[in-house]
Amino acid sequence: MSGERPWSAAVDGVVLSVRLTPKGGRDTIDGIEVLSDGRSVLKMRVRAAPSEGDANKALCRLIAKALGVPPRDVSLASGATSRVKRLTIAGDSPTLIAALERLCQ
């Protein structure tokens, strides 16, 4: 695996790349994965089905809980109908990045 992380600091928080598996049996974060094109993503699973945006909502709730931020601070920036998504997480960038690093140890 490359040393590249699937997140980067933004002006008002962090941008996070995720590969989501809906109907994955449980809500969990499986760690960092490198896609075939070389991009790093945070691999996540949720129990929710991908219908009516339920899986996307579950994804936002899961990452908010894992990082200790309110769900309203996590939003889907792109990839609403794709498995690979970009999330924006509002807050203090260094604090959020440190929390993401702890999640992936």
N, C-alpha and C. Protein backbone atom coordinates (compact mmCIF):
# COMPACT_ATOMS: atom_id res chain seq x y z
N MET A 1 0.85 -1.18 0.00
CA MET A 1 0.00 0.00 0.00
C MET A 1 0.88 1.23 0.00
N SER A 2 0.47 2.24 -0.74
CA SER A 2 1.22 3.48 -0.77
C SER A 2 0.99 4.23 0.53
N GLY A 3 1.81 5.23 0.78
CA GLY A 3 1.69 6.02 2.00
C GLY A 3 0.62 7.08 1.91
N GLU A 4 -0.03 7.20 0.77
CA GLU A 4 -1.04 8.23 0.57
C GLU A 4 -2.28 7.93 1.41
N ARG A 5 -2.82 8.97 2.00
CA ARG A 5 -4.02 8.83 2.82
C ARG A 5 -5.24 9.24 2.00
N PRO A 6 -6.41 8.67 2.29
CA PRO A 6 -7.62 9.01 1.52
C PRO A 6 -8.30 10.29 1.99
N TRP A 7 -7.62 11.09 2.80
CA TRP A 7 -8.19 12.34 3.26
C TRP A 7 -7.19 13.47 3.06
N SER A 8 -7.73 14.68 3.00
CA SER A 8 -6.88 15.86 2.89
C SER A 8 -7.55 17.02 3.62
N ALA A 9 -6.72 17.92 4.11
CA ALA A 9 -7.24 19.09 4.82
C ALA A 9 -7.90 20.03 3.83
N ALA A 10 -8.98 20.64 4.27
CA ALA A 10 -9.67 21.65 3.48
C ALA A 10 -9.73 22.92 4.32
N VAL A 11 -10.26 23.99 3.75
CA VAL A 11 -10.32 25.27 4.45
C VAL A 11 -11.07 25.15 5.76
N ASP A 12 -12.19 24.44 5.75
CA ASP A 12 -13.03 24.38 6.95
C ASP A 12 -13.25 22.95 7.44
N GLY A 13 -12.28 22.06 7.18
CA GLY A 13 -12.44 20.69 7.63
C GLY A 13 -11.57 19.73 6.84
N VAL A 14 -12.16 18.61 6.45
CA VAL A 14 -11.44 17.54 5.77
C VAL A 14 -12.29 17.01 4.61
N VAL A 15 -11.63 16.62 3.53
CA VAL A 15 -12.27 15.93 2.42
C VAL A 15 -11.80 14.48 2.49
N LEU A 16 -12.76 13.54 2.46
CA LEU A 16 -12.46 12.13 2.65
C LEU A 16 -12.99 11.32 1.47
N SER A 17 -12.15 10.46 0.90
CA SER A 17 -12.58 9.55 -0.17
C SER A 17 -12.92 8.20 0.45
N VAL A 18 -14.08 7.67 0.07
CA VAL A 18 -14.61 6.44 0.68
C VAL A 18 -15.05 5.49 -0.42
N ARG A 19 -14.85 4.20 -0.19
CA ARG A 19 -15.46 3.16 -1.03
C ARG A 19 -16.49 2.47 -0.16
N LEU A 20 -17.75 2.64 -0.49
CA LEU A 20 -18.85 2.15 0.33
C LEU A 20 -19.43 0.85 -0.23
N THR A 21 -19.66 -0.10 0.67
CA THR A 21 -20.37 -1.32 0.32
C THR A 21 -21.70 -1.30 1.05
N PRO A 22 -22.80 -1.03 0.34
CA PRO A 22 -24.12 -1.09 0.98
C PRO A 22 -24.54 -2.53 1.20
N LYS A 23 -25.46 -2.76 2.10
CA LYS A 23 -25.93 -4.10 2.47
C LYS A 23 -24.73 -4.99 2.83
N GLY A 24 -23.78 -4.40 3.58
CA GLY A 24 -22.56 -5.09 3.93
C GLY A 24 -22.65 -5.93 5.19
N GLY A 25 -23.84 -6.09 5.76
CA GLY A 25 -24.01 -6.95 6.93
C GLY A 25 -23.86 -6.24 8.25
N ARG A 26 -23.04 -5.19 8.29
CA ARG A 26 -22.85 -4.42 9.53
C ARG A 26 -22.30 -3.06 9.17
N ASP A 27 -22.38 -2.14 10.11
CA ASP A 27 -21.82 -0.81 9.91
C ASP A 27 -20.40 -0.81 10.46
N THR A 28 -19.41 -0.68 9.57
CA THR A 28 -18.02 -0.77 10.02
C THR A 28 -17.07 -0.04 9.08
N ILE A 29 -15.91 0.28 9.62
CA ILE A 29 -14.82 0.87 8.84
C ILE A 29 -13.75 -0.20 8.73
N ASP A 30 -13.41 -0.57 7.49
CA ASP A 30 -12.49 -1.68 7.25
C ASP A 30 -11.05 -1.26 6.97
N GLY A 31 -10.75 0.02 7.05
CA GLY A 31 -9.38 0.47 6.82
C GLY A 31 -9.17 1.07 5.45
N ILE A 32 -7.91 1.32 5.14
CA ILE A 32 -7.54 1.98 3.88
C ILE A 32 -7.30 0.92 2.81
N GLU A 33 -7.79 1.23 1.61
CA GLU A 33 -7.62 0.35 0.46
C GLU A 33 -7.11 1.19 -0.71
N VAL A 34 -6.27 0.60 -1.55
CA VAL A 34 -5.79 1.27 -2.75
C VAL A 34 -6.55 0.69 -3.94
N LEU A 35 -7.23 1.54 -4.68
CA LEU A 35 -7.99 1.10 -5.85
C LEU A 35 -7.06 0.77 -7.00
N SER A 36 -7.59 0.14 -8.03
CA SER A 36 -6.78 -0.27 -9.18
C SER A 36 -6.15 0.93 -9.90
N ASP A 37 -6.76 2.11 -9.77
CA ASP A 37 -6.18 3.31 -10.42
C ASP A 37 -5.17 4.03 -9.52
N GLY A 38 -4.89 3.46 -8.34
CA GLY A 38 -3.88 4.02 -7.45
C GLY A 38 -4.41 4.95 -6.38
N ARG A 39 -5.69 5.31 -6.44
CA ARG A 39 -6.27 6.18 -5.42
C ARG A 39 -6.47 5.42 -4.12
N SER A 40 -6.24 6.10 -3.01
CA SER A 40 -6.50 5.52 -1.70
C SER A 40 -7.91 5.92 -1.26
N VAL A 41 -8.62 4.97 -0.65
CA VAL A 41 -9.96 5.23 -0.12
C VAL A 41 -10.08 4.58 1.25
N LEU A 42 -11.00 5.09 2.04
CA LEU A 42 -11.35 4.46 3.30
C LEU A 42 -12.48 3.48 3.00
N LYS A 43 -12.23 2.21 3.23
CA LYS A 43 -13.20 1.17 2.89
C LYS A 43 -14.21 1.05 4.03
N MET A 44 -15.50 1.20 3.70
CA MET A 44 -16.55 1.17 4.71
C MET A 44 -17.72 0.32 4.24
N ARG A 45 -18.44 -0.24 5.22
CA ARG A 45 -19.65 -1.03 4.94
C ARG A 45 -20.78 -0.52 5.82
N VAL A 46 -21.99 -0.55 5.28
CA VAL A 46 -23.19 -0.23 6.05
C VAL A 46 -24.25 -1.29 5.78
N ARG A 47 -25.15 -1.47 6.74
CA ARG A 47 -26.25 -2.44 6.58
C ARG A 47 -27.31 -1.94 5.62
N ALA A 48 -27.47 -0.63 5.52
CA ALA A 48 -28.54 -0.04 4.72
C ALA A 48 -28.40 -0.37 3.24
N ALA A 49 -29.56 -0.46 2.58
CA ALA A 49 -29.60 -0.68 1.14
C ALA A 49 -29.36 0.65 0.42
N PRO A 50 -28.92 0.59 -0.84
CA PRO A 50 -28.63 1.83 -1.56
C PRO A 50 -29.86 2.56 -2.11
N SER A 51 -31.04 2.16 -1.70
CA SER A 51 -32.25 2.80 -2.23
C SER A 51 -32.58 4.08 -1.47
N GLU A 52 -33.03 5.07 -2.21
CA GLU A 52 -33.48 6.35 -1.66
C GLU A 52 -32.43 7.04 -0.79
N GLY A 53 -31.17 6.77 -1.05
CA GLY A 53 -30.09 7.43 -0.32
C GLY A 53 -29.86 6.90 1.08
N ASP A 54 -30.49 5.79 1.44
CA ASP A 54 -30.35 5.25 2.80
C ASP A 54 -28.91 4.89 3.13
N ALA A 55 -28.19 4.29 2.18
CA ALA A 55 -26.80 3.90 2.43
C ALA A 55 -25.92 5.13 2.61
N ASN A 56 -26.18 6.18 1.84
CA ASN A 56 -25.40 7.41 1.99
C ASN A 56 -25.65 8.05 3.35
N LYS A 57 -26.89 8.04 3.80
CA LYS A 57 -27.21 8.60 5.13
C LYS A 57 -26.53 7.78 6.22
N ALA A 58 -26.56 6.47 6.08
CA ALA A 58 -25.91 5.59 7.07
C ALA A 58 -24.40 5.82 7.08
N LEU A 59 -23.82 6.03 5.90
CA LEU A 59 -22.39 6.32 5.80
C LEU A 59 -22.04 7.60 6.56
N CYS A 60 -22.80 8.65 6.34
CA CYS A 60 -22.55 9.93 7.02
C CYS A 60 -22.68 9.78 8.53
N ARG A 61 -23.69 9.04 8.98
CA ARG A 61 -23.86 8.82 10.43
C ARG A 61 -22.70 8.02 11.00
N LEU A 62 -22.25 7.00 10.28
CA LEU A 62 -21.15 6.15 10.75
C LEU A 62 -19.86 6.94 10.89
N ILE A 63 -19.50 7.73 9.89
CA ILE A 63 -18.25 8.49 9.97
C ILE A 63 -18.35 9.59 11.02
N ALA A 64 -19.53 10.18 11.18
CA ALA A 64 -19.70 11.21 12.21
C ALA A 64 -19.50 10.60 13.60
N LYS A 65 -20.09 9.45 13.84
CA LYS A 65 -19.94 8.78 15.13
C LYS A 65 -18.48 8.40 15.38
N ALA A 66 -17.82 7.86 14.36
CA ALA A 66 -16.42 7.42 14.50
C ALA A 66 -15.49 8.59 14.80
N LEU A 67 -15.80 9.77 14.26
CA LEU A 67 -14.94 10.95 14.46
C LEU A 67 -15.39 11.82 15.62
N GLY A 68 -16.56 11.52 16.19
CA GLY A 68 -17.06 12.31 17.31
C GLY A 68 -17.54 13.69 16.92
N VAL A 69 -18.11 13.79 15.72
CA VAL A 69 -18.67 15.06 15.27
C VAL A 69 -20.17 14.89 15.06
N PRO A 70 -20.94 15.99 15.10
CA PRO A 70 -22.37 15.87 14.82
C PRO A 70 -22.61 15.42 13.38
N PRO A 71 -23.65 14.61 13.14
CA PRO A 71 -23.94 14.16 11.77
C PRO A 71 -24.13 15.30 10.78
N ARG A 72 -24.59 16.45 11.25
CA ARG A 72 -24.79 17.59 10.35
C ARG A 72 -23.47 18.13 9.78
N ASP A 73 -22.33 17.77 10.41
CA ASP A 73 -21.03 18.24 9.94
C ASP A 73 -20.45 17.36 8.82
N VAL A 74 -21.12 16.25 8.51
CA VAL A 74 -20.66 15.34 7.46
C VAL A 74 -21.63 15.44 6.29
N SER A 75 -21.09 15.72 5.10
CA SER A 75 -21.97 15.81 3.92
C SER A 75 -21.31 15.12 2.73
N LEU A 76 -22.16 14.65 1.85
CA LEU A 76 -21.73 13.96 0.64
C LEU A 76 -21.41 15.01 -0.42
N ALA A 77 -20.14 15.06 -0.86
CA ALA A 77 -19.73 16.05 -1.85
C ALA A 77 -19.91 15.52 -3.27
N SER A 78 -19.64 14.21 -3.47
CA SER A 78 -19.82 13.63 -4.80
C SER A 78 -19.94 12.12 -4.67
N GLY A 79 -20.49 11.51 -5.71
CA GLY A 79 -20.60 10.06 -5.76
C GLY A 79 -21.87 9.50 -5.17
N ALA A 80 -22.97 10.24 -5.23
CA ALA A 80 -24.23 9.81 -4.62
C ALA A 80 -24.67 8.43 -5.10
N THR A 81 -24.43 8.11 -6.37
CA THR A 81 -24.87 6.81 -6.89
C THR A 81 -23.69 5.88 -7.19
N SER A 82 -22.51 6.25 -6.78
CA SER A 82 -21.31 5.46 -7.02
C SER A 82 -20.84 4.81 -5.73
N ARG A 83 -20.04 3.76 -5.83
CA ARG A 83 -19.45 3.17 -4.62
C ARG A 83 -18.35 4.04 -4.06
N VAL A 84 -17.63 4.75 -4.94
CA VAL A 84 -16.56 5.64 -4.49
C VAL A 84 -17.16 7.04 -4.32
N LYS A 85 -17.02 7.57 -3.12
CA LYS A 85 -17.66 8.83 -2.76
C LYS A 85 -16.65 9.77 -2.14
N ARG A 86 -16.98 11.06 -2.15
CA ARG A 86 -16.18 12.06 -1.45
C ARG A 86 -17.08 12.72 -0.42
N LEU A 87 -16.60 12.74 0.81
CA LEU A 87 -17.32 13.37 1.90
C LEU A 87 -16.58 14.62 2.34
N THR A 88 -17.31 15.61 2.79
CA THR A 88 -16.69 16.75 3.45
C THR A 88 -17.10 16.70 4.91
N ILE A 89 -16.13 16.93 5.77
CA ILE A 89 -16.37 16.88 7.21
C ILE A 89 -15.95 18.24 7.77
N ALA A 90 -16.90 18.98 8.30
CA ALA A 90 -16.62 20.31 8.84
C ALA A 90 -15.99 20.19 10.22
N GLY A 91 -15.05 21.07 10.48
CA GLY A 91 -14.42 21.09 11.80
C GLY A 91 -12.96 21.49 11.69
N ASP A 92 -12.24 21.26 12.78
CA ASP A 92 -10.82 21.59 12.86
C ASP A 92 -10.02 20.51 12.12
N SER A 93 -9.36 20.89 11.03
CA SER A 93 -8.66 19.91 10.19
C SER A 93 -7.65 19.05 10.95
N PRO A 94 -6.74 19.63 11.74
CA PRO A 94 -5.77 18.78 12.44
C PRO A 94 -6.42 17.77 13.39
N THR A 95 -7.47 18.18 14.07
CA THR A 95 -8.18 17.28 14.99
C THR A 95 -8.84 16.14 14.23
N LEU A 96 -9.50 16.46 13.12
CA LEU A 96 -10.17 15.44 12.31
C LEU A 96 -9.16 14.47 11.69
N ILE A 97 -8.05 15.00 11.20
CA ILE A 97 -7.02 14.14 10.60
C ILE A 97 -6.43 13.20 11.65
N ALA A 98 -6.21 13.72 12.86
CA ALA A 98 -5.69 12.86 13.93
C ALA A 98 -6.67 11.75 14.26
N ALA A 99 -7.96 12.06 14.28
CA ALA A 99 -8.99 11.05 14.54
C ALA A 99 -9.02 10.01 13.43
N LEU A 100 -8.89 10.42 12.19
CA LEU A 100 -8.86 9.49 11.06
C LEU A 100 -7.63 8.57 11.14
N GLU A 101 -6.50 9.14 11.51
CA GLU A 101 -5.28 8.34 11.67
C GLU A 101 -5.48 7.26 12.74
N ARG A 102 -6.13 7.62 13.85
CA ARG A 102 -6.39 6.65 14.92
C ARG A 102 -7.32 5.53 14.43
N LEU A 103 -8.31 5.88 13.62
CA LEU A 103 -9.24 4.88 13.10
C LEU A 103 -8.54 3.84 12.23
N CYS A 104 -7.48 4.25 11.56
CA CYS A 104 -6.84 3.39 10.56
C CYS A 104 -5.58 2.70 11.08
N GLN A 105 -5.33 2.74 12.35
CA GLN A 105 -4.15 2.08 12.91
C GLN A 105 -4.36 0.59 13.00
